[in-house]
Every structure is written in C-alpha cells, then in structure tokens.
Amino acid sequence: MKNFQKTVLVCMVILFCATSPAFSQNTIDIENLQKNTDNFIDSLAKTLPFNSTIGLNWSDAYIGQMPPHFGIGFSAGFTTMDYASLRNLINQFNLNMSFKNTSTFEKAGLPIPGYTLEARIGGIIIPFDFGVKFGYISTGAFESLLEKFSNTPPFGYQNMLIGADVRFSPLDKKVFPVRLSVGLGFNFMKGEITAALPVLSYSFKDPDGNNYIISQNADSQQLGIEWRTSTLELKTQVSFPLKIITPYAGVGISYAFSQAGYRVNSKLSVTRNGNNVSTNTVEDLLKSLGLTGVSETGFETIKKINSFNARAFGGFSFNLAFFRLDLTGMYNFIGGDFGITLGSRFQL
C-alpha cells in the first residue's frame, strides 16, 4: 500500500510543485476573485463525480455467488479536470501555477490521480455481488514527499474516497456466453489543497461607491481550496469471459451532491475610504458579492451544486490463474474528461 500511496503522491507533486508564492503586497479585487471561484466550482461539479468512480470497475460484470467467489485488490490511475479554472483561481491569490507543457493541459485537461483498495464478494441464492473501496492520501505523507522532490514552499494535500456498489445479474451464465449486470453504486469523496499565502489585501466597493480594503495579518495567512461530493450511480456492464482475457464495457448515469470553494484563514482588518471599520459592518455586503462566510479570522466561499453526470467505461483484463490485471478507460460525457486506471486483484 505504501508503494501505491507514494506513486499517487509523486503525481500530486508533479501537478502542484510548480506553484509558488510571490511575497509582495498585492490587492485582490473580490469581484474578480468570485468570478474565478464560480468557474472553478462549475468545473468541479462535472469533475468530482467522475473522479469518484475510480475503483470497482472490475472486468467481470458479475463475479458469481458465494461460496467461493470473492476478490480483493487495488486500482490506481487518474481522471482529468479543466486546467484553466484551477489555475485562474490559484493565480488570484498570487500563487503562480506554471508547467512546461501548459498547452497540453489546456487541451487535454489536468490529470488528478487517485487510488483505491477494494474488495468484492458474491451473493447468496440471488445472483448479485457486493463491492467496497477506500482510498486516502494524508497531508503529512504529501508534505514529507514534497520536501524530498521539490524546493517549493510547504504544501498540504489530502483526499479521501470511499464507495460501495451492488450488482445484479439477470442472465444465466450457463445459457448465455456473456455476463450482464445492472448495479447501484454510492461514492463519497472529499479533499483539499492548502498553502501559505503571501501578504495580500482585498478590495471591493459598496453601491454608494465607498472603497473597502480587507487586510490580512502579516504573520499568518493560509489558503484552503476544498471539495466534497456524494454520488449515486446507476450503471450497467457487459463482459465477455474468455480464457486468457476478459473484454468489458459499461455506462453509468449518476446524480451528485457536491460542494467546493476556498477559505482564507487570517486575522483581518477592514477600512472604508481609509478609516477603520468592524468586520461585522461589511458582512452583508460581502455576502452579496458571493462570499458565504465572513469573520475577524477569515472569509470563505463554499457553494453547493447538484448535477447529473454520465460516463462510459471499458477495457479488458488479463486472467492469470487466480489473479486479474485490469486496464480501464473512462470518459465523462458531461465534462469531456477522461480517465485511465490500472488494477490488480486476487479473485476466485
């Protein structure tokens, strides 16, 4: 498990090690910040449910009943997301995200890695099987790896994915040469990226034209970009169990309950036309601009968005005695994203 977690974390270093703060005083326009935040959240509403479907995409549409049919293994890979929306949001906080192959990411999307440990067990009497999966990347593991491979300022990244599904097979395998299943799955994923901010201030105006400036405490500023999603997916899959390989294909339609956004943690002071005012006096004004939380210790925009999603997935497995080696490709019809995973498992 440590090797697979290290592989995922190395991918995250590649994605985010180019981000570094410029330590100079800058004033951020809150209206522009909110526009970029909305674009980022809209993008994640398409990406998060798709990324959460990593894992449990086994080649066998149905593994058979107990006893003795069960399996245990892992999957690791990535799905893509819109690069521009994440880059533009991070740039708003004077954190520069740059890559040598920026044009490639703008065209194909930014790869977001993930992995799961997973298990599946066949049903009893009724032809169904049940699967579970779990993946977790801890903040501490990422930071320690980042120190070895990069000279960038400290980063934090953590992500957790859990899920389960149940699949029913309406075909008798003794009569039909293929296997077919229909299933229902649930996935939950949450995570965040954290970084120390340079010294920033934030500007905005009220309807009367008064100028406001929010200033951060110079000793402590922390940015958190966070996300979470809960997804229900109805899926169907067909597989062709041959002796050495098993080709398979499937589609899934899901409905997701997601939320995403940013938070700035720092002691704040506010001025109006150069005069100090309390944070409470601008709370309603800032919420009218799209912020969802304001206090003397920071502010945030965390928005909820629900969405339908649809994907296709398929590939093949190599069957080696009691082991399977899976290669799976996925495509997101809503966002145009794609994903690839490689899995290995012991299966009876």
Protein backbone atom coordinates (compact mmCIF):
# COMPACT_ATOMS: atom_id res chain seq x y z
CA MET A 1 0.00 0.00 0.00
CA LYS A 2 2.91 2.36 0.79
CA ASN A 3 4.26 2.00 -2.74
CA PHE A 4 0.91 2.88 -4.30
CA GLN A 5 0.43 5.85 -1.97
CA LYS A 6 3.92 7.08 -2.91
CA THR A 7 3.06 6.76 -6.61
CA VAL A 8 -0.07 8.85 -6.16
CA LEU A 9 1.79 11.43 -4.10
CA VAL A 10 4.55 11.74 -6.70
CA CYS A 11 1.81 12.53 -9.23
CA MET A 12 0.50 15.25 -6.93
CA VAL A 13 4.00 16.72 -6.63
CA ILE A 14 4.21 16.89 -10.42
CA LEU A 15 0.85 18.66 -10.52
CA PHE A 16 1.43 21.21 -7.81
CA CYS A 17 5.15 21.64 -7.20
CA ALA A 18 5.26 24.45 -9.76
CA THR A 19 3.01 26.57 -7.56
CA SER A 20 4.97 29.13 -5.55
CA PRO A 21 4.04 32.41 -3.87
CA ALA A 22 5.45 35.80 -4.74
CA PHE A 23 5.99 37.53 -1.42
CA SER A 24 4.91 41.07 -2.21
CA GLN A 25 1.98 43.22 -1.28
CA ASN A 26 -0.91 42.78 -3.71
CA THR A 27 -4.51 43.91 -3.72
CA ILE A 28 -7.07 41.41 -5.00
CA ASP A 29 -10.37 42.55 -6.49
CA ILE A 30 -13.04 40.47 -4.76
CA GLU A 31 -15.46 40.59 -7.70
CA ASN A 32 -12.81 39.04 -9.99
CA LEU A 33 -11.98 36.51 -7.28
CA GLN A 34 -15.61 35.46 -7.07
CA LYS A 35 -15.97 35.11 -10.84
CA ASN A 36 -12.99 32.77 -10.95
CA THR A 37 -14.33 30.88 -7.94
CA ASP A 38 -17.67 30.32 -9.67
CA ASN A 39 -15.89 28.99 -12.78
CA PHE A 40 -13.84 26.63 -10.62
CA ILE A 41 -16.90 25.32 -8.77
CA ASP A 42 -18.82 24.80 -12.03
CA SER A 43 -15.86 22.83 -13.37
CA LEU A 44 -15.59 20.67 -10.26
CA ALA A 45 -19.32 19.89 -10.39
CA LYS A 46 -18.55 17.96 -13.59
CA THR A 47 -15.19 16.54 -12.47
CA LEU A 48 -15.77 15.41 -8.87
CA PRO A 49 -18.47 12.76 -9.54
CA PHE A 50 -16.38 11.38 -12.40
CA ASN A 51 -13.20 11.18 -10.30
CA SER A 52 -15.10 9.43 -7.50
CA THR A 53 -15.87 6.50 -9.84
CA ILE A 54 -12.22 5.37 -9.78
CA GLY A 55 -12.19 1.84 -8.38
CA LEU A 56 -14.56 -1.17 -8.52
CA ASN A 57 -14.59 -1.10 -12.33
CA TRP A 58 -13.82 -4.82 -12.50
CA SER A 59 -13.72 -6.63 -15.81
CA ASP A 60 -16.24 -9.27 -14.72
CA ALA A 61 -19.74 -7.84 -14.92
CA TYR A 62 -20.63 -10.36 -12.20
CA ILE A 63 -18.16 -12.50 -10.23
CA GLY A 64 -20.56 -15.29 -9.20
CA GLN A 65 -22.12 -16.43 -5.94
CA MET A 66 -20.68 -17.43 -2.60
CA PRO A 67 -19.15 -19.80 -1.95
CA PRO A 68 -16.45 -19.43 -3.18
CA HIS A 69 -16.49 -16.28 -5.35
CA PHE A 70 -14.80 -13.18 -3.94
CA GLY A 71 -11.91 -10.86 -4.78
CA ILE A 72 -9.56 -8.31 -3.19
CA GLY A 73 -7.13 -5.89 -4.82
CA PHE A 74 -6.41 -2.28 -5.74
CA SER A 75 -6.85 0.25 -8.56
CA ALA A 76 -4.76 3.34 -9.32
CA GLY A 77 -4.93 5.93 -12.06
CA PHE A 78 -6.20 9.39 -12.86
CA THR A 79 -9.04 11.41 -14.31
CA THR A 80 -8.69 14.82 -15.92
CA MET A 81 -10.24 18.16 -15.00
CA ASP A 82 -10.33 21.63 -16.52
CA TYR A 83 -6.88 23.16 -16.00
CA ALA A 84 -7.72 26.82 -16.67
CA SER A 85 -10.33 27.15 -13.89
CA LEU A 86 -7.95 25.84 -11.20
CA ARG A 87 -5.00 27.87 -12.48
CA ASN A 88 -7.03 31.09 -12.63
CA LEU A 89 -8.34 30.63 -9.08
CA ILE A 90 -4.88 29.94 -7.66
CA ASN A 91 -3.43 32.88 -9.58
CA GLN A 92 -5.98 35.16 -7.93
CA PHE A 93 -4.13 34.56 -4.64
CA ASN A 94 -0.76 35.43 -6.21
CA LEU A 95 0.23 31.75 -6.34
CA ASN A 96 1.66 31.02 -9.77
CA MET A 97 0.86 27.67 -11.38
CA SER A 98 3.03 27.08 -14.43
CA PHE A 99 4.06 23.96 -16.35
CA LYS A 100 6.39 23.27 -19.25
CA ASN A 101 3.50 21.69 -21.15
CA THR A 102 0.77 24.17 -20.26
CA SER A 103 -0.78 23.96 -23.72
CA THR A 104 -1.16 20.18 -23.31
CA PHE A 105 -3.06 20.59 -20.03
CA GLU A 106 -5.26 23.31 -21.54
CA LYS A 107 -6.27 20.95 -24.36
CA ALA A 108 -6.42 17.57 -22.61
CA GLY A 109 -7.09 18.61 -19.00
CA LEU A 110 -5.11 18.40 -15.78
CA PRO A 111 -4.66 14.80 -14.50
CA ILE A 112 -5.91 14.24 -10.96
CA PRO A 113 -4.60 10.95 -9.53
CA GLY A 114 -6.40 8.56 -7.22
CA TYR A 115 -6.25 5.02 -5.92
CA THR A 116 -8.44 2.59 -4.01
CA LEU A 117 -8.12 -0.63 -2.09
CA GLU A 118 -11.17 -2.71 -2.97
CA ALA A 119 -12.96 -5.96 -2.34
CA ARG A 120 -15.96 -7.74 -3.81
CA ILE A 121 -17.95 -10.76 -2.63
CA GLY A 122 -20.58 -12.81 -4.42
CA GLY A 123 -24.14 -13.03 -3.17
CA ILE A 124 -26.05 -15.99 -1.84
CA ILE A 125 -29.05 -17.58 -3.63
CA ILE A 126 -29.77 -14.41 -5.67
CA PRO A 127 -27.24 -13.71 -8.48
CA PHE A 128 -25.66 -10.50 -7.18
CA ASP A 129 -22.31 -9.29 -5.86
CA PHE A 130 -21.31 -6.52 -3.46
CA GLY A 131 -18.16 -4.37 -3.58
CA VAL A 132 -16.45 -1.78 -1.36
CA LYS A 133 -13.48 0.56 -1.93
CA PHE A 134 -11.36 3.00 0.06
CA GLY A 135 -8.51 5.39 -0.73
CA TYR A 136 -6.80 8.03 1.41
CA ILE A 137 -3.87 10.40 0.92
CA SER A 138 -2.79 12.12 4.14
CA THR A 139 -1.46 15.67 4.42
CA GLY A 140 1.65 14.59 6.31
CA ALA A 141 2.63 12.00 3.71
CA PHE A 142 2.37 14.58 0.93
CA GLU A 143 4.41 17.20 2.76
CA SER A 144 7.24 14.79 3.59
CA LEU A 145 7.44 13.64 -0.02
CA LEU A 146 7.32 17.22 -1.30
CA GLU A 147 10.39 18.11 0.79
CA LYS A 148 12.38 15.38 -0.98
CA PHE A 149 11.36 16.21 -4.54
CA SER A 150 10.81 19.96 -4.54
CA ASN A 151 12.11 23.27 -3.19
CA THR A 152 8.69 24.92 -3.25
CA PRO A 153 7.12 26.34 -0.06
CA PRO A 154 5.17 23.88 2.15
CA PHE A 155 2.06 22.41 0.57
CA GLY A 156 -0.74 20.36 2.02
CA TYR A 157 -2.89 17.95 0.05
CA GLN A 158 -5.29 15.33 1.31
CA ASN A 159 -8.06 13.34 -0.30
CA MET A 160 -10.35 10.54 0.81
CA LEU A 161 -12.56 8.33 -1.34
CA ILE A 162 -14.95 5.65 -0.12
CA GLY A 163 -17.59 3.79 -2.07
CA ALA A 164 -19.70 0.69 -2.47
CA ASP A 165 -21.89 -0.92 -5.08
CA VAL A 166 -24.25 -3.85 -5.56
CA ARG A 167 -24.72 -5.52 -8.96
CA PHE A 168 -27.42 -7.93 -10.07
CA SER A 169 -27.00 -10.33 -13.00
CA PRO A 170 -30.21 -11.13 -14.92
CA LEU A 171 -28.54 -13.68 -17.27
CA ASP A 172 -27.82 -17.32 -16.56
CA LYS A 173 -24.12 -17.87 -17.29
CA LYS A 174 -24.82 -21.50 -18.24
CA VAL A 175 -27.11 -20.36 -21.07
CA PHE A 176 -25.52 -17.10 -22.27
CA PRO A 177 -21.82 -16.75 -23.22
CA VAL A 178 -21.66 -13.19 -21.89
CA ARG A 179 -22.25 -11.71 -18.46
CA LEU A 180 -24.52 -8.75 -17.87
CA SER A 181 -25.17 -6.79 -14.70
CA VAL A 182 -27.13 -3.77 -13.57
CA GLY A 183 -25.99 -2.07 -10.40
CA LEU A 184 -26.30 0.82 -7.99
CA GLY A 185 -23.24 2.49 -6.51
CA PHE A 186 -22.51 5.17 -3.92
CA ASN A 187 -19.29 7.20 -3.74
CA PHE A 188 -18.15 9.85 -1.27
CA MET A 189 -15.04 11.93 -1.80
CA LYS A 190 -13.57 14.93 -0.01
CA GLY A 191 -10.25 16.69 -0.07
CA GLU A 192 -8.36 19.95 -0.01
CA ILE A 193 -5.21 21.75 -1.08
CA THR A 194 -3.67 24.11 1.47
CA ALA A 195 -0.87 26.65 1.06
CA ALA A 196 0.67 29.58 2.92
CA LEU A 197 -0.39 32.86 1.32
CA PRO A 198 1.76 35.87 0.60
CA VAL A 199 0.69 39.13 2.26
CA LEU A 200 -2.45 40.21 0.43
CA SER A 201 -5.27 42.70 0.70
CA TYR A 202 -8.72 42.51 -0.90
CA SER A 203 -10.69 45.43 -2.33
CA PHE A 204 -14.37 45.99 -3.11
CA LYS A 205 -16.94 48.78 -3.31
CA ASP A 206 -20.45 49.25 -1.97
CA PRO A 207 -23.34 50.57 -4.13
CA ASP A 208 -22.56 54.13 -2.96
CA GLY A 209 -19.01 53.94 -4.32
CA ASN A 210 -17.21 53.66 -0.97
CA ASN A 211 -13.89 51.85 -1.21
CA TYR A 212 -13.18 48.98 1.19
CA ILE A 213 -9.90 47.21 1.84
CA ILE A 214 -9.57 43.94 3.77
CA SER A 215 -6.03 43.49 5.10
CA GLN A 216 -4.52 40.25 6.40
CA ASN A 217 -2.30 39.81 9.42
CA ALA A 218 1.25 39.68 8.02
CA ASP A 219 2.25 36.83 10.36
CA SER A 220 -0.25 34.18 9.33
CA GLN A 221 -2.22 33.66 6.13
CA GLN A 222 -3.50 30.26 4.99
CA LEU A 223 -5.43 29.31 1.86
CA GLY A 224 -7.55 26.20 1.60
CA ILE A 225 -9.21 25.01 -1.62
CA GLU A 226 -11.63 22.26 -0.68
CA TRP A 227 -14.19 19.97 -2.26
CA ARG A 228 -16.55 17.10 -1.48
CA THR A 229 -19.15 15.11 -3.34
CA SER A 230 -21.68 12.35 -2.67
CA THR A 231 -22.73 10.45 -5.78
CA LEU A 232 -25.42 7.88 -6.54
CA GLU A 233 -24.81 5.99 -9.78
CA LEU A 234 -26.98 3.58 -11.76
CA LYS A 235 -24.78 1.50 -14.05
CA THR A 236 -24.87 -1.45 -16.39
CA GLN A 237 -21.99 -3.56 -17.67
CA VAL A 238 -21.37 -6.41 -20.07
CA SER A 239 -18.30 -8.65 -20.14
CA PHE A 240 -17.06 -11.47 -22.34
CA PRO A 241 -15.22 -14.01 -20.17
CA LEU A 242 -12.60 -15.68 -22.31
CA LYS A 243 -9.85 -17.98 -21.09
CA ILE A 244 -6.96 -15.51 -21.07
CA ILE A 245 -8.62 -12.09 -21.39
CA THR A 246 -11.98 -10.59 -20.44
CA PRO A 247 -13.09 -7.56 -22.51
CA TYR A 248 -15.81 -5.43 -20.91
CA ALA A 249 -17.79 -2.20 -21.35
CA GLY A 250 -20.35 -0.27 -19.37
CA VAL A 251 -22.17 3.02 -18.86
CA GLY A 252 -23.23 4.85 -15.73
CA ILE A 253 -25.68 7.67 -15.00
CA SER A 254 -25.31 9.47 -11.70
CA TYR A 255 -26.63 12.32 -9.60
CA ALA A 256 -24.16 14.15 -7.38
CA PHE A 257 -24.46 16.40 -4.35
CA SER A 258 -21.26 18.45 -4.40
CA GLN A 259 -19.71 21.50 -2.79
CA ALA A 260 -16.44 23.29 -3.38
CA GLY A 261 -14.69 26.59 -2.90
CA TYR A 262 -11.96 28.33 -0.93
CA ARG A 263 -11.30 29.70 2.51
CA VAL A 264 -8.76 32.27 3.74
CA ASN A 265 -7.66 31.91 7.36
CA SER A 266 -6.08 35.07 8.75
CA LYS A 267 -6.80 37.79 11.26
CA LEU A 268 -8.44 40.59 9.27
CA SER A 269 -8.85 44.33 9.49
CA VAL A 270 -11.19 46.40 7.30
CA THR A 271 -11.03 50.04 6.20
CA ARG A 272 -13.65 52.15 4.39
CA ASN A 273 -12.21 55.11 2.50
CA GLY A 274 -9.11 54.80 4.69
CA ASN A 275 -10.98 54.62 8.03
CA ASN A 276 -11.12 51.50 10.20
CA VAL A 277 -14.48 49.73 10.45
CA SER A 278 -15.51 46.43 12.06
CA THR A 279 -15.77 43.22 10.07
CA ASN A 280 -19.44 42.93 11.05
CA THR A 281 -20.32 46.10 9.16
CA VAL A 282 -19.31 44.60 5.81
CA GLU A 283 -20.55 41.05 6.31
CA ASP A 284 -23.83 41.52 4.43
CA LEU A 285 -22.10 43.47 1.67
CA LEU A 286 -19.52 40.71 1.14
CA LYS A 287 -22.21 38.03 1.11
CA SER A 288 -23.99 39.96 -1.63
CA LEU A 289 -20.77 39.62 -3.65
CA GLY A 290 -20.88 35.83 -3.24
CA LEU A 291 -18.91 35.13 -0.06
CA THR A 292 -20.62 32.58 2.17
CA GLY A 293 -18.76 33.24 5.43
CA VAL A 294 -17.03 36.29 6.94
CA SER A 295 -15.47 36.83 10.37
CA GLU A 296 -12.48 38.52 12.00
CA THR A 297 -10.45 35.33 11.47
CA GLY A 298 -11.07 34.91 7.75
CA PHE A 299 -13.58 34.54 4.95
CA GLU A 300 -14.69 31.82 2.56
CA THR A 301 -16.81 30.92 -0.43
CA ILE A 302 -18.13 27.37 -0.26
CA LYS A 303 -21.00 26.69 -2.62
CA LYS A 304 -23.24 23.68 -3.14
CA ILE A 305 -24.16 22.43 -6.58
CA ASN A 306 -26.09 19.32 -7.63
CA SER A 307 -25.71 17.78 -11.07
CA PHE A 308 -26.45 14.84 -13.34
CA ASN A 309 -23.46 13.07 -14.84
CA ALA A 310 -22.94 10.28 -17.35
CA ARG A 311 -19.88 8.20 -18.17
CA ALA A 312 -18.73 5.26 -20.24
CA PHE A 313 -16.08 2.81 -19.12
CA GLY A 314 -14.47 -0.29 -20.52
CA GLY A 315 -11.29 -2.22 -21.15
CA PHE A 316 -10.01 -5.69 -20.57
CA SER A 317 -8.28 -7.87 -18.02
CA PHE A 318 -5.55 -10.46 -18.28
CA ASN A 319 -6.59 -13.60 -16.42
CA LEU A 320 -3.69 -15.34 -14.70
CA ALA A 321 -4.94 -18.30 -12.64
CA PHE A 322 -6.45 -16.63 -9.55
CA PHE A 323 -5.19 -13.14 -10.45
CA ARG A 324 -6.58 -10.43 -12.69
CA LEU A 325 -4.75 -7.45 -14.20
CA ASP A 326 -7.26 -4.79 -15.30
CA LEU A 327 -6.84 -1.86 -17.67
CA THR A 328 -9.81 0.51 -17.68
CA GLY A 329 -10.58 3.61 -19.71
CA MET A 330 -13.35 6.07 -18.74
CA TYR A 331 -15.00 9.01 -20.47
CA ASN A 332 -17.16 11.73 -18.94
CA PHE A 333 -19.94 12.73 -21.34
CA ILE A 334 -20.84 15.90 -19.40
CA GLY A 335 -17.42 17.47 -18.88
CA GLY A 336 -15.50 15.81 -21.70
CA ASP A 337 -12.93 14.46 -19.21
CA PHE A 338 -11.30 11.06 -19.46
CA GLY A 339 -9.57 8.68 -17.09
CA ILE A 340 -7.33 5.62 -17.05
CA THR A 341 -6.84 3.12 -14.22
CA LEU A 342 -4.75 0.01 -13.75
CA GLY A 343 -5.84 -2.60 -11.24
CA SER A 344 -4.69 -5.92 -9.88
CA ARG A 345 -6.57 -8.38 -7.69
CA PHE A 346 -6.80 -11.89 -6.35
CA GLN A 347 -10.14 -13.39 -7.43
CA LEU A 348 -11.87 -16.72 -7.08
